[in-house]
């Protein structure tokens, strides 16, 4: 994977200063750390969605019991 330095260097007051741009990788696919973080996020979302479905089911059952009595 090739990295290109996109940092522009400027001299201000006789000192070297940076514009704040970052060095970024170009090409080469997705970073494995990013891929793992996204997978963990997807797993967490799936788990929370399942819990919310269970809560909704229990609330519906309670509502039906209250309306029947």
N, C-alpha and C. Protein backbone atom coordinates (compact mmCIF):
# COMPACT_ATOMS: atom_id res chain seq x y z
N UNK A 1 0.85 -1.16 0.00
CA UNK A 1 0.00 0.00 0.00
C UNK A 1 0.90 1.23 0.00
N UNK A 2 0.55 2.17 -0.81
CA UNK A 2 1.34 3.39 -0.96
C UNK A 2 0.71 4.50 -0.15
N UNK A 3 1.53 5.27 0.55
CA UNK A 3 1.03 6.45 1.27
C UNK A 3 1.61 7.70 0.65
N UNK A 4 0.77 8.69 0.51
CA UNK A 4 1.22 9.95 -0.04
C UNK A 4 1.13 11.01 1.04
N UNK A 5 2.16 11.81 1.15
CA UNK A 5 2.15 12.89 2.13
C UNK A 5 1.50 14.10 1.49
N UNK A 6 0.32 14.46 1.99
CA UNK A 6 -0.42 15.58 1.44
C UNK A 6 -0.29 16.83 2.31
N UNK A 7 0.63 16.78 3.26
CA UNK A 7 0.82 17.91 4.15
C UNK A 7 1.53 19.04 3.43
N UNK A 8 0.92 20.18 3.41
CA UNK A 8 1.55 21.34 2.79
C UNK A 8 2.37 22.05 3.86
N UNK A 9 3.59 22.31 3.57
CA UNK A 9 4.46 22.98 4.53
C UNK A 9 4.59 24.46 4.16
N UNK A 10 4.42 25.28 5.13
CA UNK A 10 4.52 26.72 4.92
C UNK A 10 5.45 27.29 5.97
N UNK A 11 6.08 28.37 5.62
CA UNK A 11 6.94 29.06 6.56
C UNK A 11 6.22 30.31 7.05
N UNK A 12 6.01 30.38 8.36
CA UNK A 12 5.35 31.54 8.96
C UNK A 12 6.28 32.10 10.02
N UNK A 13 6.66 33.32 9.85
CA UNK A 13 7.54 33.95 10.82
C UNK A 13 8.89 33.27 10.92
N UNK A 14 9.34 32.69 9.81
CA UNK A 14 10.64 32.02 9.80
C UNK A 14 10.61 30.61 10.34
N UNK A 15 9.41 30.11 10.76
CA UNK A 15 9.29 28.75 11.30
C UNK A 15 8.42 27.91 10.37
N UNK A 16 8.71 26.62 10.34
CA UNK A 16 7.95 25.69 9.51
C UNK A 16 6.60 25.42 10.18
N UNK A 17 5.52 25.54 9.42
CA UNK A 17 4.18 25.31 9.94
C UNK A 17 3.45 24.36 9.00
N UNK A 18 2.47 23.66 9.53
CA UNK A 18 1.66 22.74 8.73
C UNK A 18 0.27 23.32 8.56
N UNK A 19 -0.42 22.94 7.48
CA UNK A 19 -1.78 23.41 7.25
C UNK A 19 -2.81 22.53 7.94
N UNK A 20 -2.37 21.46 8.59
CA UNK A 20 -3.29 20.58 9.30
C UNK A 20 -3.76 19.41 8.48
N UNK A 21 -3.33 19.28 7.25
CA UNK A 21 -3.73 18.14 6.44
C UNK A 21 -3.02 16.90 6.95
N UNK A 22 -3.61 15.75 6.68
CA UNK A 22 -3.09 14.50 7.20
C UNK A 22 -2.50 13.64 6.09
N UNK A 23 -1.68 12.69 6.47
CA UNK A 23 -1.17 11.68 5.55
C UNK A 23 -2.23 10.59 5.47
N UNK A 24 -2.67 10.28 4.26
CA UNK A 24 -3.72 9.28 4.09
C UNK A 24 -3.25 8.18 3.16
N UNK A 25 -3.67 6.94 3.43
CA UNK A 25 -3.35 5.85 2.52
C UNK A 25 -4.28 5.90 1.30
N UNK A 26 -3.75 5.64 0.14
CA UNK A 26 -4.56 5.60 -1.07
C UNK A 26 -4.58 4.17 -1.59
N UNK A 27 -5.76 3.69 -1.93
CA UNK A 27 -5.88 2.34 -2.45
C UNK A 27 -5.63 1.31 -1.37
N UNK A 28 -5.50 0.07 -1.74
CA UNK A 28 -5.14 -0.98 -0.81
C UNK A 28 -6.28 -1.51 0.02
N UNK A 29 -7.49 -1.08 -0.17
CA UNK A 29 -8.62 -1.63 0.54
C UNK A 29 -8.87 -1.01 1.89
N UNK A 30 -9.68 -1.71 2.69
CA UNK A 30 -10.12 -1.22 3.99
C UNK A 30 -9.13 -1.65 5.07
N UNK A 31 -8.83 -0.76 5.97
CA UNK A 31 -7.97 -1.05 7.11
C UNK A 31 -8.63 -2.13 7.98
N UNK A 32 -7.87 -3.13 8.43
CA UNK A 32 -8.45 -4.23 9.22
C UNK A 32 -9.00 -3.73 10.55
N UNK A 33 -8.36 -2.73 11.14
CA UNK A 33 -8.87 -2.18 12.40
C UNK A 33 -10.24 -1.55 12.19
N UNK A 34 -10.40 -0.82 11.11
CA UNK A 34 -11.69 -0.21 10.79
C UNK A 34 -12.74 -1.28 10.52
N UNK A 35 -12.34 -2.32 9.82
CA UNK A 35 -13.26 -3.42 9.51
C UNK A 35 -13.74 -4.10 10.79
N UNK A 36 -12.83 -4.33 11.74
CA UNK A 36 -13.21 -4.95 13.01
C UNK A 36 -14.14 -4.05 13.82
N UNK A 37 -13.86 -2.74 13.82
CA UNK A 37 -14.71 -1.81 14.55
C UNK A 37 -16.11 -1.78 13.96
N UNK A 38 -16.21 -1.81 12.62
CA UNK A 38 -17.52 -1.82 11.98
C UNK A 38 -18.28 -3.11 12.28
N UNK A 39 -17.57 -4.24 12.30
CA UNK A 39 -18.21 -5.52 12.61
C UNK A 39 -18.73 -5.52 14.04
N UNK A 40 -17.94 -4.99 14.97
CA UNK A 40 -18.38 -4.91 16.36
C UNK A 40 -19.61 -4.01 16.50
N UNK A 41 -19.62 -2.91 15.76
CA UNK A 41 -20.77 -2.01 15.78
C UNK A 41 -22.01 -2.70 15.23
N UNK A 42 -21.87 -3.43 14.14
CA UNK A 42 -23.00 -4.15 13.55
C UNK A 42 -23.52 -5.20 14.52
N UNK A 43 -22.63 -5.91 15.22
CA UNK A 43 -23.04 -6.92 16.20
C UNK A 43 -23.81 -6.28 17.35
N UNK A 44 -23.33 -5.13 17.82
CA UNK A 44 -24.00 -4.43 18.91
C UNK A 44 -25.39 -3.98 18.49
N UNK A 45 -25.50 -3.45 17.29
CA UNK A 45 -26.80 -2.98 16.78
C UNK A 45 -27.77 -4.15 16.65
N UNK A 46 -27.30 -5.27 16.15
CA UNK A 46 -28.14 -6.46 15.99
C UNK A 46 -28.63 -6.94 17.35
N UNK A 47 -27.73 -6.97 18.33
CA UNK A 47 -28.09 -7.40 19.68
C UNK A 47 -29.13 -6.48 20.28
N UNK A 48 -28.96 -5.18 20.14
CA UNK A 48 -29.92 -4.23 20.69
C UNK A 48 -31.27 -4.33 19.98
N UNK A 49 -31.25 -4.58 18.68
CA UNK A 49 -32.50 -4.72 17.93
C UNK A 49 -33.28 -5.94 18.43
N UNK A 50 -32.56 -7.04 18.72
CA UNK A 50 -33.22 -8.24 19.23
C UNK A 50 -33.83 -7.97 20.61
N UNK A 51 -33.09 -7.24 21.46
CA UNK A 51 -33.61 -6.91 22.79
C UNK A 51 -34.85 -6.03 22.67
N UNK A 52 -34.82 -5.06 21.77
CA UNK A 52 -35.99 -4.19 21.58
C UNK A 52 -37.19 -4.97 21.07
N UNK A 53 -36.95 -5.95 20.21
CA UNK A 53 -38.04 -6.79 19.71
C UNK A 53 -38.68 -7.58 20.86
N UNK A 54 -37.84 -8.09 21.77
CA UNK A 54 -38.36 -8.83 22.92
C UNK A 54 -39.18 -7.91 23.83
N UNK A 55 -38.69 -6.71 24.06
CA UNK A 55 -39.41 -5.75 24.90
C UNK A 55 -40.76 -5.40 24.26
N UNK A 56 -40.77 -5.17 22.96
CA UNK A 56 -42.02 -4.85 22.26
C UNK A 56 -43.00 -6.01 22.35
N UNK A 57 -42.50 -7.22 22.23
CA UNK A 57 -43.36 -8.40 22.33
C UNK A 57 -43.98 -8.49 23.73
N UNK A 58 -43.16 -8.28 24.77
CA UNK A 58 -43.68 -8.34 26.14
C UNK A 58 -44.70 -7.23 26.39
N UNK A 59 -44.43 -6.03 25.88
CA UNK A 59 -45.38 -4.93 26.05
C UNK A 59 -46.70 -5.21 25.34
N UNK A 60 -46.63 -5.82 24.17
CA UNK A 60 -47.86 -6.17 23.45
C UNK A 60 -48.66 -7.20 24.22
N UNK A 61 -47.97 -8.18 24.81
CA UNK A 61 -48.67 -9.20 25.60
C UNK A 61 -49.34 -8.58 26.81
N UNK A 62 -48.64 -7.65 27.49
CA UNK A 62 -49.23 -6.97 28.64
C UNK A 62 -50.44 -6.15 28.23
N UNK A 63 -50.33 -5.48 27.10
CA UNK A 63 -51.43 -4.66 26.61
C UNK A 63 -52.65 -5.52 26.29
N UNK A 64 -52.43 -6.68 25.69
CA UNK A 64 -53.53 -7.58 25.36
C UNK A 64 -54.19 -8.11 26.64
N UNK A 65 -53.39 -8.43 27.65
CA UNK A 65 -53.95 -8.94 28.91
C UNK A 65 -54.78 -7.87 29.61
N UNK A 66 -54.30 -6.61 29.58
CA UNK A 66 -55.04 -5.51 30.22
C UNK A 66 -56.35 -5.25 29.49
N UNK A 67 -56.31 -5.30 28.18
CA UNK A 67 -57.53 -5.00 27.42
C UNK A 67 -58.54 -6.15 27.54
N UNK A 68 -58.07 -7.37 27.79
CA UNK A 68 -58.96 -8.51 27.93
C UNK A 68 -59.65 -8.51 29.30
N UNK A 69 -59.00 -7.92 30.28
CA UNK A 69 -59.59 -7.95 31.63
C UNK A 69 -60.40 -6.72 31.96
